[in-house]
């Protein structure tokens, strides 16, 4: 296990060191680096899965990461609107609350 401090190790490494190691080395070190999907696309897929599963607590990390990976606020809002009909209205509404909390809003007003 690498000793360099990472977001996972700083966030929860003292509670679950092996999970932090796997997050760093397998999830973000391998899976997120595979060339078959861009990081932008992986972020869209991840955000869609979190919305569908109602995992709003994980959005605190993944929504800013999605924006850093090139997903626009408009796209996140549209993703949420689209998934309201496939993943459930309550999941979409919880996501809207999380987007608001994180300061993400659509620019197009539609």
PDB file of N, CA and C in Angstrom:
ATOM      1  N   UNK A   1       0.843  -1.184   0.000  1.00  0.00           N
ATOM      2  CA  UNK A   1       0.000   0.000   0.000  1.00  0.00           C
ATOM      3  C   UNK A   1       0.883   1.239   0.000  1.00  0.00           C
ATOM      4  N   UNK A   2       0.590   2.161  -0.887  1.00  0.00           N
ATOM      5  CA  UNK A   2       1.325   3.416  -0.974  1.00  0.00           C
ATOM      6  C   UNK A   2       1.086   4.244   0.276  1.00  0.00           C
ATOM      7  N   UNK A   3       2.091   4.965   0.696  1.00  0.00           N
ATOM      8  CA  UNK A   3       1.970   5.772   1.907  1.00  0.00           C
ATOM      9  C   UNK A   3       1.592   7.220   1.631  1.00  0.00           C
ATOM     10  N   UNK A   4       1.535   7.612   0.349  1.00  0.00           N
ATOM     11  CA  UNK A   4       1.177   8.995   0.043  1.00  0.00           C
ATOM     12  C   UNK A   4      -0.267   9.254   0.476  1.00  0.00           C
ATOM     13  N   UNK A   5      -0.534  10.416   1.054  1.00  0.00           N
ATOM     14  CA  UNK A   5      -1.910  10.711   1.462  1.00  0.00           C
ATOM     15  C   UNK A   5      -2.805  10.923   0.246  1.00  0.00           C
ATOM     16  N   UNK A   6      -3.965  10.323   0.279  1.00  0.00           N
ATOM     17  CA  UNK A   6      -4.941  10.458  -0.798  1.00  0.00           C
ATOM     18  C   UNK A   6      -6.264  10.883  -0.182  1.00  0.00           C
ATOM     19  N   UNK A   7      -7.197  11.267  -1.031  1.00  0.00           N
ATOM     20  CA  UNK A   7      -8.515  11.674  -0.536  1.00  0.00           C
ATOM     21  C   UNK A   7      -9.172  10.541   0.247  1.00  0.00           C
ATOM     22  N   UNK A   8      -9.095   9.325  -0.265  1.00  0.00           N
ATOM     23  CA  UNK A   8      -9.709   8.188   0.437  1.00  0.00           C
ATOM     24  C   UNK A   8      -9.028   7.938   1.771  1.00  0.00           C
ATOM     25  N   UNK A   9      -7.717   7.946   1.774  1.00  0.00           N
ATOM     26  CA  UNK A   9      -6.997   7.677   3.031  1.00  0.00           C
ATOM     27  C   UNK A   9      -7.237   8.779   4.052  1.00  0.00           C
ATOM     28  N   UNK A  10      -7.319  10.007   3.585  1.00  0.00           N
ATOM     29  CA  UNK A  10      -7.583  11.109   4.510  1.00  0.00           C
ATOM     30  C   UNK A  10      -9.025  11.088   5.001  1.00  0.00           C
ATOM     31  N   UNK A  11      -9.952  10.680   4.141  1.00  0.00           N
ATOM     32  CA  UNK A  11     -11.364  10.701   4.489  1.00  0.00           C
ATOM     33  C   UNK A  11     -11.758   9.557   5.418  1.00  0.00           C
ATOM     34  N   UNK A  12     -11.334   8.324   5.090  1.00  0.00           N
ATOM     35  CA  UNK A  12     -11.790   7.189   5.893  1.00  0.00           C
ATOM     36  C   UNK A  12     -10.727   6.123   6.123  1.00  0.00           C
ATOM     37  N   UNK A  13      -9.503   6.416   5.757  1.00  0.00           N
ATOM     38  CA  UNK A  13      -8.424   5.444   5.913  1.00  0.00           C
ATOM     39  C   UNK A  13      -8.165   5.025   7.341  1.00  0.00           C
ATOM     40  N   UNK A  14      -8.423   5.905   8.289  1.00  0.00           N
ATOM     41  CA  UNK A  14      -8.212   5.537   9.690  1.00  0.00           C
ATOM     42  C   UNK A  14      -9.304   4.595  10.197  1.00  0.00           C
ATOM     43  N   UNK A  15     -10.445   4.563   9.541  1.00  0.00           N
ATOM     44  CA  UNK A  15     -11.546   3.680   9.926  1.00  0.00           C
ATOM     45  C   UNK A  15     -11.473   2.369   9.149  1.00  0.00           C
ATOM     46  N   UNK A  16     -11.258   2.462   7.841  1.00  0.00           N
ATOM     47  CA  UNK A  16     -11.252   1.295   6.966  1.00  0.00           C
ATOM     48  C   UNK A  16     -10.052   1.372   6.019  1.00  0.00           C
ATOM     49  N   UNK A  17      -8.854   1.077   6.521  1.00  0.00           N
ATOM     50  CA  UNK A  17      -7.658   1.255   5.700  1.00  0.00           C
ATOM     51  C   UNK A  17      -7.634   0.399   4.437  1.00  0.00           C
ATOM     52  N   UNK A  18      -8.122  -0.825   4.491  1.00  0.00           N
ATOM     53  CA  UNK A  18      -8.111  -1.671   3.293  1.00  0.00           C
ATOM     54  C   UNK A  18      -9.081  -1.131   2.245  1.00  0.00           C
ATOM     55  N   UNK A  19     -10.251  -0.648   2.675  1.00  0.00           N
ATOM     56  CA  UNK A  19     -11.210  -0.061   1.748  1.00  0.00           C
ATOM     57  C   UNK A  19     -10.620   1.189   1.085  1.00  0.00           C
ATOM     58  N   UNK A  20      -9.897   1.983   1.850  1.00  0.00           N
ATOM     59  CA  UNK A  20      -9.230   3.163   1.286  1.00  0.00           C
ATOM     60  C   UNK A  20      -8.177   2.746   0.265  1.00  0.00           C
ATOM     61  N   UNK A  21      -7.413   1.717   0.588  1.00  0.00           N
ATOM     62  CA  UNK A  21      -6.399   1.207  -0.338  1.00  0.00           C
ATOM     63  C   UNK A  21      -7.045   0.716  -1.631  1.00  0.00           C
ATOM     64  N   UNK A  22      -8.123  -0.059  -1.516  1.00  0.00           N
ATOM     65  CA  UNK A  22      -8.820  -0.563  -2.700  1.00  0.00           C
ATOM     66  C   UNK A  22      -9.422   0.577  -3.512  1.00  0.00           C
ATOM     67  N   UNK A  23      -9.961   1.576  -2.823  1.00  0.00           N
ATOM     68  CA  UNK A  23     -10.519   2.740  -3.520  1.00  0.00           C
ATOM     69  C   UNK A  23      -9.445   3.436  -4.343  1.00  0.00           C
ATOM     70  N   UNK A  24      -8.306   3.652  -3.723  1.00  0.00           N
ATOM     71  CA  UNK A  24      -7.210   4.348  -4.397  1.00  0.00           C
ATOM     72  C   UNK A  24      -6.599   3.529  -5.521  1.00  0.00           C
ATOM     73  N   UNK A  25      -6.279   2.287  -5.235  1.00  0.00           N
ATOM     74  CA  UNK A  25      -5.487   1.503  -6.172  1.00  0.00           C
ATOM     75  C   UNK A  25      -6.315   0.782  -7.222  1.00  0.00           C
ATOM     76  N   UNK A  26      -7.491   0.283  -6.849  1.00  0.00           N
ATOM     77  CA  UNK A  26      -8.297  -0.465  -7.817  1.00  0.00           C
ATOM     78  C   UNK A  26      -9.310   0.455  -8.494  1.00  0.00           C
ATOM     79  N   UNK A  27     -10.170   1.088  -7.701  1.00  0.00           N
ATOM     80  CA  UNK A  27     -11.231   1.902  -8.286  1.00  0.00           C
ATOM     81  C   UNK A  27     -10.665   3.098  -9.059  1.00  0.00           C
ATOM     82  N   UNK A  28      -9.907   3.951  -8.353  1.00  0.00           N
ATOM     83  CA  UNK A  28      -9.408   5.162  -9.011  1.00  0.00           C
ATOM     84  C   UNK A  28      -8.074   4.952  -9.723  1.00  0.00           C
ATOM     85  N   UNK A  29      -7.298   3.977  -9.298  1.00  0.00           N
ATOM     86  CA  UNK A  29      -6.012   3.720  -9.938  1.00  0.00           C
ATOM     87  C   UNK A  29      -6.107   2.849 -11.175  1.00  0.00           C
ATOM     88  N   UNK A  30      -7.146   2.011 -11.243  1.00  0.00           N
ATOM     89  CA  UNK A  30      -7.299   1.111 -12.382  1.00  0.00           C
ATOM     90  C   UNK A  30      -8.586   1.400 -13.152  1.00  0.00           C
ATOM     91  N   UNK A  31      -9.724   1.180 -12.535  1.00  0.00           N
ATOM     92  CA  UNK A  31     -11.011   1.278 -13.233  1.00  0.00           C
ATOM     93  C   UNK A  31     -11.213   2.655 -13.867  1.00  0.00           C
ATOM     94  N   UNK A  32     -11.024   3.729 -13.101  1.00  0.00           N
ATOM     95  CA  UNK A  32     -11.236   5.075 -13.635  1.00  0.00           C
ATOM     96  C   UNK A  32     -10.212   5.449 -14.699  1.00  0.00           C
ATOM     97  N   UNK A  33      -9.116   4.721 -14.797  1.00  0.00           N
ATOM     98  CA  UNK A  33      -8.067   5.033 -15.766  1.00  0.00           C
ATOM     99  C   UNK A  33      -8.163   4.213 -17.047  1.00  0.00           C
ATOM    100  N   UNK A  34      -9.100   3.294 -17.118  1.00  0.00           N
ATOM    101  CA  UNK A  34      -9.242   2.483 -18.336  1.00  0.00           C
ATOM    102  C   UNK A  34      -9.658   3.379 -19.495  1.00  0.00           C
ATOM    103  N   UNK A  35      -9.069   3.179 -20.675  1.00  0.00           N
ATOM    104  CA  UNK A  35      -9.311   4.088 -21.798  1.00  0.00           C
ATOM    105  C   UNK A  35     -10.634   3.881 -22.532  1.00  0.00           C
ATOM    106  N   UNK A  36     -11.359   2.819 -22.244  1.00  0.00           N
ATOM    107  CA  UNK A  36     -12.575   2.528 -23.005  1.00  0.00           C
ATOM    108  C   UNK A  36     -13.689   3.553 -22.775  1.00  0.00           C
ATOM    109  N   UNK A  37     -13.680   4.213 -21.646  1.00  0.00           N
ATOM    110  CA  UNK A  37     -14.610   5.316 -21.367  1.00  0.00           C
ATOM    111  C   UNK A  37     -13.797   6.499 -20.870  1.00  0.00           C
ATOM    112  N   UNK A  38     -14.194   7.694 -21.290  1.00  0.00           N
ATOM    113  CA  UNK A  38     -13.532   8.890 -20.774  1.00  0.00           C
ATOM    114  C   UNK A  38     -13.935   9.097 -19.312  1.00  0.00           C
ATOM    115  N   UNK A  39     -13.153   9.877 -18.601  1.00  0.00           N
ATOM    116  CA  UNK A  39     -13.512  10.196 -17.213  1.00  0.00           C
ATOM    117  C   UNK A  39     -14.840  10.945 -17.171  1.00  0.00           C
ATOM    118  N   UNK A  40     -15.097  11.772 -18.177  1.00  0.00           N
ATOM    119  CA  UNK A  40     -16.368  12.485 -18.260  1.00  0.00           C
ATOM    120  C   UNK A  40     -17.524  11.490 -18.337  1.00  0.00           C
ATOM    121  N   UNK A  41     -17.392  10.506 -19.222  1.00  0.00           N
ATOM    122  CA  UNK A  41     -18.434   9.494 -19.364  1.00  0.00           C
ATOM    123  C   UNK A  41     -18.574   8.667 -18.088  1.00  0.00           C
ATOM    124  N   UNK A  42     -17.460   8.308 -17.490  1.00  0.00           N
ATOM    125  CA  UNK A  42     -17.520   7.555 -16.227  1.00  0.00           C
ATOM    126  C   UNK A  42     -18.241   8.371 -15.149  1.00  0.00           C
ATOM    127  N   UNK A  43     -18.002   9.678 -15.132  1.00  0.00           N
ATOM    128  CA  UNK A  43     -18.694  10.528 -14.163  1.00  0.00           C
ATOM    129  C   UNK A  43     -20.194  10.552 -14.414  1.00  0.00           C
ATOM    130  N   UNK A  44     -20.602  10.658 -15.679  1.00  0.00           N
ATOM    131  CA  UNK A  44     -22.035  10.630 -16.003  1.00  0.00           C
ATOM    132  C   UNK A  44     -22.669   9.312 -15.562  1.00  0.00           C
ATOM    133  N   UNK A  45     -21.993   8.208 -15.863  1.00  0.00           N
ATOM    134  CA  UNK A  45     -22.508   6.889 -15.486  1.00  0.00           C
ATOM    135  C   UNK A  45     -22.589   6.773 -13.962  1.00  0.00           C
ATOM    136  N   UNK A  46     -21.563   7.219 -13.276  1.00  0.00           N
ATOM    137  CA  UNK A  46     -21.533   7.135 -11.818  1.00  0.00           C
ATOM    138  C   UNK A  46     -22.637   7.984 -11.210  1.00  0.00           C
ATOM    139  N   UNK A  47     -22.801   9.204 -11.679  1.00  0.00           N
ATOM    140  CA  UNK A  47     -23.869  10.063 -11.161  1.00  0.00           C
ATOM    141  C   UNK A  47     -25.236   9.460 -11.439  1.00  0.00           C
ATOM    142  N   UNK A  48     -25.414   8.877 -12.622  1.00  0.00           N
ATOM    143  CA  UNK A  48     -26.687   8.228 -12.938  1.00  0.00           C
ATOM    144  C   UNK A  48     -26.961   7.072 -11.985  1.00  0.00           C
ATOM    145  N   UNK A  49     -25.946   6.274 -11.713  1.00  0.00           N
ATOM    146  CA  UNK A  49     -26.120   5.153 -10.786  1.00  0.00           C
ATOM    147  C   UNK A  49     -26.455   5.649  -9.379  1.00  0.00           C
ATOM    148  N   UNK A  50     -25.781   6.693  -8.936  1.00  0.00           N
ATOM    149  CA  UNK A  50     -26.062   7.238  -7.601  1.00  0.00           C
ATOM    150  C   UNK A  50     -27.483   7.784  -7.512  1.00  0.00           C
ATOM    151  N   UNK A  51     -27.939   8.451  -8.564  1.00  0.00           N
ATOM    152  CA  UNK A  51     -29.311   8.958  -8.592  1.00  0.00           C
ATOM    153  C   UNK A  51     -30.286   7.791  -8.545  1.00  0.00           C
ATOM    154  N   UNK A  52     -30.068   6.797  -9.404  1.00  0.00           N
ATOM    155  CA  UNK A  52     -30.973   5.654  -9.477  1.00  0.00           C
ATOM    156  C   UNK A  52     -31.049   4.899  -8.155  1.00  0.00           C
ATOM    157  N   UNK A  53     -29.930   4.813  -7.466  1.00  0.00           N
ATOM    158  CA  UNK A  53     -29.890   4.086  -6.193  1.00  0.00           C
ATOM    159  C   UNK A  53     -30.241   4.953  -4.993  1.00  0.00           C
ATOM    160  N   UNK A  54     -30.398   6.259  -5.223  1.00  0.00           N
ATOM    161  CA  UNK A  54     -30.723   7.164  -4.119  1.00  0.00           C
ATOM    162  C   UNK A  54     -29.576   7.382  -3.145  1.00  0.00           C
ATOM    163  N   UNK A  55     -28.363   7.287  -3.625  1.00  0.00           N
ATOM    164  CA  UNK A  55     -27.174   7.414  -2.771  1.00  0.00           C
ATOM    165  C   UNK A  55     -26.663   8.852  -2.746  1.00  0.00           C
ATOM    166  N   UNK A  56     -27.491   9.757  -2.221  1.00  0.00           N
ATOM    167  CA  UNK A  56     -27.138  11.175  -2.256  1.00  0.00           C
ATOM    168  C   UNK A  56     -25.892  11.506  -1.441  1.00  0.00           C
ATOM    169  N   UNK A  57     -25.587  10.729  -0.409  1.00  0.00           N
ATOM    170  CA  UNK A  57     -24.403  11.051   0.396  1.00  0.00           C
ATOM    171  C   UNK A  57     -23.122  10.940  -0.420  1.00  0.00           C
ATOM    172  N   UNK A  58     -23.097  10.060  -1.412  1.00  0.00           N
ATOM    173  CA  UNK A  58     -21.921   9.895  -2.258  1.00  0.00           C
ATOM    174  C   UNK A  58     -21.794  11.009  -3.294  1.00  0.00           C
ATOM    175  N   UNK A  59     -22.874  11.752  -3.504  1.00  0.00           N
ATOM    176  CA  UNK A  59     -22.859  12.831  -4.492  1.00  0.00           C
ATOM    177  C   UNK A  59     -21.975  13.994  -4.060  1.00  0.00           C
ATOM    178  N   UNK A  60     -21.729  14.133  -2.766  1.00  0.00           N
ATOM    179  CA  UNK A  60     -20.840  15.200  -2.296  1.00  0.00           C
ATOM    180  C   UNK A  60     -19.464  15.091  -2.942  1.00  0.00           C
ATOM    181  N   UNK A  61     -19.031  13.891  -3.216  1.00  0.00           N
ATOM    182  CA  UNK A  61     -17.748  13.664  -3.883  1.00  0.00           C
ATOM    183  C   UNK A  61     -17.909  13.641  -5.402  1.00  0.00           C
ATOM    184  N   UNK A  62     -18.910  12.913  -5.883  1.00  0.00           N
ATOM    185  CA  UNK A  62     -18.984  12.636  -7.318  1.00  0.00           C
ATOM    186  C   UNK A  62     -19.525  13.787  -8.165  1.00  0.00           C
ATOM    187  N   UNK A  63     -20.370  14.633  -7.633  1.00  0.00           N
ATOM    188  CA  UNK A  63     -20.855  15.765  -8.436  1.00  0.00           C
ATOM    189  C   UNK A  63     -19.726  16.760  -8.716  1.00  0.00           C
ATOM    190  N   UNK A  64     -18.977  17.195  -7.704  1.00  0.00           N
ATOM    191  CA  UNK A  64     -17.832  18.073  -8.030  1.00  0.00           C
ATOM    192  C   UNK A  64     -16.808  17.383  -8.935  1.00  0.00           C
ATOM    193  N   UNK A  65     -16.606  16.078  -8.742  1.00  0.00           N
ATOM    194  CA  UNK A  65     -15.677  15.339  -9.597  1.00  0.00           C
ATOM    195  C   UNK A  65     -16.193  15.329 -11.029  1.00  0.00           C
ATOM    196  N   UNK A  66     -17.498  15.152 -11.207  1.00  0.00           N
ATOM    197  CA  UNK A  66     -18.082  15.154 -12.554  1.00  0.00           C
ATOM    198  C   UNK A  66     -17.843  16.497 -13.235  1.00  0.00           C
ATOM    199  N   UNK A  67     -18.045  17.570 -12.507  1.00  0.00           N
ATOM    200  CA  UNK A  67     -17.814  18.905 -13.069  1.00  0.00           C
ATOM    201  C   UNK A  67     -16.337  19.071 -13.435  1.00  0.00           C
ATOM    202  N   UNK A  68     -15.452  18.606 -12.571  1.00  0.00           N
ATOM    203  CA  UNK A  68     -14.019  18.669 -12.870  1.00  0.00           C
ATOM    204  C   UNK A  68     -13.667  17.824 -14.094  1.00  0.00           C
ATOM    205  N   UNK A  69     -14.448  16.772 -14.331  1.00  0.00           N
ATOM    206  CA  UNK A  69     -14.210  15.893 -15.483  1.00  0.00           C
ATOM    207  C   UNK A  69     -14.928  16.368 -16.738  1.00  0.00           C
ATOM    208  N   UNK A  70     -15.541  17.559 -16.698  1.00  0.00           N
ATOM    209  CA  UNK A  70     -16.112  18.143 -17.898  1.00  0.00           C
ATOM    210  C   UNK A  70     -17.619  18.042 -18.048  1.00  0.00           C
ATOM    211  N   UNK A  71     -18.307  17.450 -17.084  1.00  0.00           N
ATOM    212  CA  UNK A  71     -19.768  17.412 -17.122  1.00  0.00           C
ATOM    213  C   UNK A  71     -20.266  18.791 -16.699  1.00  0.00           C
ATOM    214  N   UNK A  72     -21.193  19.358 -17.437  1.00  0.00           N
ATOM    215  CA  UNK A  72     -21.678  20.700 -17.115  1.00  0.00           C
ATOM    216  C   UNK A  72     -22.821  20.632 -16.099  1.00  0.00           C
ATOM    217  N   UNK A  73     -23.046  21.727 -15.382  1.00  0.00           N
ATOM    218  CA  UNK A  73     -24.214  21.771 -14.502  1.00  0.00           C
ATOM    219  C   UNK A  73     -25.518  21.493 -15.253  1.00  0.00           C
ATOM    220  N   UNK A  74     -25.658  22.035 -16.463  1.00  0.00           N
ATOM    221  CA  UNK A  74     -26.854  21.766 -17.268  1.00  0.00           C
ATOM    222  C   UNK A  74     -27.030  20.268 -17.508  1.00  0.00           C
ATOM    223  N   UNK A  75     -25.934  19.585 -17.787  1.00  0.00           N
ATOM    224  CA  UNK A  75     -26.019  18.140 -18.030  1.00  0.00           C
ATOM    225  C   UNK A  75     -26.405  17.377 -16.773  1.00  0.00           C
ATOM    226  N   UNK A  76     -25.904  17.793 -15.623  1.00  0.00           N
ATOM    227  CA  UNK A  76     -26.280  17.138 -14.365  1.00  0.00           C
ATOM    228  C   UNK A  76     -27.759  17.339 -14.058  1.00  0.00           C
ATOM    229  N   UNK A  77     -28.256  18.540 -14.309  1.00  0.00           N
ATOM    230  CA  UNK A  77     -29.681  18.817 -14.092  1.00  0.00           C
ATOM    231  C   UNK A  77     -30.522  18.019 -15.082  1.00  0.00           C
ATOM    232  N   UNK A  78     -30.098  17.968 -16.340  1.00  0.00           N
ATOM    233  CA  UNK A  78     -30.837  17.196 -17.348  1.00  0.00           C
ATOM    234  C   UNK A  78     -30.807  15.706 -17.038  1.00  0.00           C
ATOM    235  N   UNK A  79     -29.676  15.208 -16.591  1.00  0.00           N
ATOM    236  CA  UNK A  79     -29.565  13.812 -16.170  1.00  0.00           C
ATOM    237  C   UNK A  79     -30.568  13.511 -15.069  1.00  0.00           C
ATOM    238  N   UNK A  80     -30.662  14.403 -14.098  1.00  0.00           N
ATOM    239  CA  UNK A  80     -31.597  14.242 -12.985  1.00  0.00           C
ATOM    240  C   UNK A  80     -33.036  14.257 -13.476  1.00  0.00           C
ATOM    241  N   UNK A  81     -33.355  15.188 -14.358  1.00  0.00           N
ATOM    242  CA  UNK A  81     -34.711  15.289 -14.906  1.00  0.00           C
ATOM    243  C   UNK A  81     -35.059  14.022 -15.681  1.00  0.00           C
ATOM    244  N   UNK A  82     -34.149  13.566 -16.505  1.00  0.00           N
ATOM    245  CA  UNK A  82     -34.374  12.362 -17.296  1.00  0.00           C
ATOM    246  C   UNK A  82     -34.602  11.151 -16.386  1.00  0.00           C
ATOM    247  N   UNK A  83     -33.775  11.015 -15.367  1.00  0.00           N
ATOM    248  CA  UNK A  83     -33.862   9.844 -14.497  1.00  0.00           C
ATOM    249  C   UNK A  83     -35.079   9.870 -13.571  1.00  0.00           C
ATOM    250  N   UNK A  84     -35.717  11.020 -13.424  1.00  0.00           N
ATOM    251  CA  UNK A  84     -36.935  11.063 -12.613  1.00  0.00           C
ATOM    252  C   UNK A  84     -37.953  10.062 -13.127  1.00  0.00           C
ATOM    253  N   UNK A  85     -37.969   9.838 -14.432  1.00  0.00           N
ATOM    254  CA  UNK A  85     -38.949   8.950 -15.049  1.00  0.00           C
ATOM    255  C   UNK A  85     -38.488   7.498 -15.104  1.00  0.00           C
ATOM    256  N   UNK A  86     -37.227   7.249 -14.854  1.00  0.00           N
ATOM    257  CA  UNK A  86     -36.691   5.890 -14.895  1.00  0.00           C
ATOM    258  C   UNK A  86     -36.279   5.390 -13.512  1.00  0.00           C
ATOM    259  N   UNK A  87     -35.832   6.283 -12.657  1.00  0.00           N
ATOM    260  CA  UNK A  87     -35.316   5.885 -11.346  1.00  0.00           C
ATOM    261  C   UNK A  87     -36.207   6.334 -10.198  1.00  0.00           C
ATOM    262  N   UNK A  88     -37.229   7.117 -10.515  1.00  0.00           N
ATOM    263  CA  UNK A  88     -38.171   7.522  -9.477  1.00  0.00           C
ATOM    264  C   UNK A  88     -38.086   8.995  -9.136  1.00  0.00           C
ATOM    265  N   UNK A  89     -39.266   9.554  -8.972  1.00  0.00           N
ATOM    266  CA  UNK A  89     -39.380  10.967  -8.630  1.00  0.00           C
ATOM    267  C   UNK A  89     -38.670  11.314  -7.327  1.00  0.00           C
ATOM    268  N   UNK A  90     -38.853  10.513  -6.257  1.00  0.00           N
ATOM    269  CA  UNK A  90     -38.163  10.851  -4.999  1.00  0.00           C
ATOM    270  C   UNK A  90     -36.642  10.889  -5.141  1.00  0.00           C
ATOM    271  N   UNK A  91     -36.070   9.976  -5.915  1.00  0.00           N
ATOM    272  CA  UNK A  91     -34.618  10.011  -6.119  1.00  0.00           C
ATOM    273  C   UNK A  91     -34.196  11.276  -6.844  1.00  0.00           C
ATOM    274  N   UNK A  92     -34.988  11.690  -7.836  1.00  0.00           N
ATOM    275  CA  UNK A  92     -34.673  12.925  -8.560  1.00  0.00           C
ATOM    276  C   UNK A  92     -34.796  14.134  -7.638  1.00  0.00           C
ATOM    277  N   UNK A  93     -35.828  14.160  -6.834  1.00  0.00           N
ATOM    278  CA  UNK A  93     -36.021  15.307  -5.932  1.00  0.00           C
ATOM    279  C   UNK A  93     -34.911  15.374  -4.880  1.00  0.00           C
ATOM    280  N   UNK A  94     -34.471  14.226  -4.392  1.00  0.00           N
ATOM    281  CA  UNK A  94     -33.342  14.217  -3.451  1.00  0.00           C
ATOM    282  C   UNK A  94     -32.076  14.719  -4.129  1.00  0.00           C
ATOM    283  N   UNK A  95     -31.911  14.364  -5.394  1.00  0.00           N
ATOM    284  CA  UNK A  95     -30.743  14.833  -6.147  1.00  0.00           C
ATOM    285  C   UNK A  95     -30.809  16.334  -6.375  1.00  0.00           C
ATOM    286  N   UNK A  96     -31.996  16.846  -6.683  1.00  0.00           N
ATOM    287  CA  UNK A  96     -32.150  18.295  -6.854  1.00  0.00           C
ATOM    288  C   UNK A  96     -31.736  19.017  -5.566  1.00  0.00           C
ATOM    289  N   UNK A  97     -32.134  18.486  -4.428  1.00  0.00           N
ATOM    290  CA  UNK A  97     -31.725  19.084  -3.153  1.00  0.00           C
ATOM    291  C   UNK A  97     -30.214  19.061  -3.000  1.00  0.00           C
ATOM    292  N   UNK A  98     -29.597  17.952  -3.394  1.00  0.00           N
ATOM    293  CA  UNK A  98     -28.141  17.839  -3.296  1.00  0.00           C
ATOM    294  C   UNK A  98     -27.456  18.793  -4.275  1.00  0.00           C
ATOM    295  N   UNK A  99     -27.981  18.900  -5.496  1.00  0.00           N
ATOM    296  CA  UNK A  99     -27.412  19.844  -6.469  1.00  0.00           C
ATOM    297  C   UNK A  99     -27.480  21.270  -5.928  1.00  0.00           C
ATOM    298  N   UNK A 100     -28.612  21.607  -5.334  1.00  0.00           N
ATOM    299  CA  UNK A 100     -28.774  22.943  -4.750  1.00  0.00           C
ATOM    300  C   UNK A 100     -27.768  23.156  -3.624  1.00  0.00           C
ATOM    301  N   UNK A 101     -27.640  22.164  -2.747  1.00  0.00           N
ATOM    302  CA  UNK A 101     -26.684  22.250  -1.637  1.00  0.00           C
ATOM    303  C   UNK A 101     -25.261  22.448  -2.134  1.00  0.00           C
ATOM    304  N   UNK A 102     -24.932  21.812  -3.253  1.00  0.00           N
ATOM    305  CA  UNK A 102     -23.581  21.903  -3.818  1.00  0.00           C
ATOM    306  C   UNK A 102     -23.398  23.101  -4.743  1.00  0.00           C
ATOM    307  N   UNK A 103     -24.453  23.891  -4.917  1.00  0.00           N
ATOM    308  CA  UNK A 103     -24.348  25.088  -5.734  1.00  0.00           C
ATOM    309  C   UNK A 103     -24.394  24.829  -7.222  1.00  0.00           C
ATOM    310  N   UNK A 104     -25.012  23.726  -7.619  1.00  0.00           N
ATOM    311  CA  UNK A 104     -25.118  23.375  -9.037  1.00  0.00           C
ATOM    312  C   UNK A 104     -26.521  23.729  -9.504  1.00  0.00           C
ATOM    313  N   UNK A 105     -26.613  24.504 -10.574  1.00  0.00           N
ATOM    314  CA  UNK A 105     -27.915  24.875 -11.137  1.00  0.00           C
ATOM    315  C   UNK A 105     -27.791  24.961 -12.645  1.00  0.00           C
ATOM    316  N   UNK A 106     -28.893  24.677 -13.320  1.00  0.00           N
ATOM    317  CA  UNK A 106     -28.908  24.786 -14.793  1.00  0.00           C
ATOM    318  C   UNK A 106     -28.821  26.249 -15.185  1.00  0.00           C
ATOM    319  N   UNK A 107     -28.175  26.506 -16.284  1.00  0.00           N
ATOM    320  CA  UNK A 107     -28.019  27.859 -16.791  1.00  0.00           C
ATOM    321  C   UNK A 107     -29.062  28.212 -17.849  1.00  0.00           C
ATOM    322  N   UNK A 108     -29.712  27.184 -18.401  1.00  0.00           N
ATOM    323  CA  UNK A 108     -30.614  27.437 -19.523  1.00  0.00           C
ATOM    324  C   UNK A 108     -32.026  27.796 -19.109  1.00  0.00           C
ATOM    325  N   UNK A 109     -32.403  27.535 -17.855  1.00  0.00           N
ATOM    326  CA  UNK A 109     -33.715  27.909 -17.363  1.00  0.00           C
ATOM    327  C   UNK A 109     -34.852  27.092 -17.918  1.00  0.00           C
ATOM    328  N   UNK A 110     -34.585  26.072 -18.720  1.00  0.00           N
ATOM    329  CA  UNK A 110     -35.654  25.264 -19.312  1.00  0.00           C
ATOM    330  C   UNK A 110     -36.053  24.127 -18.403  1.00  0.00           C
TER     331      UNK A 110
END
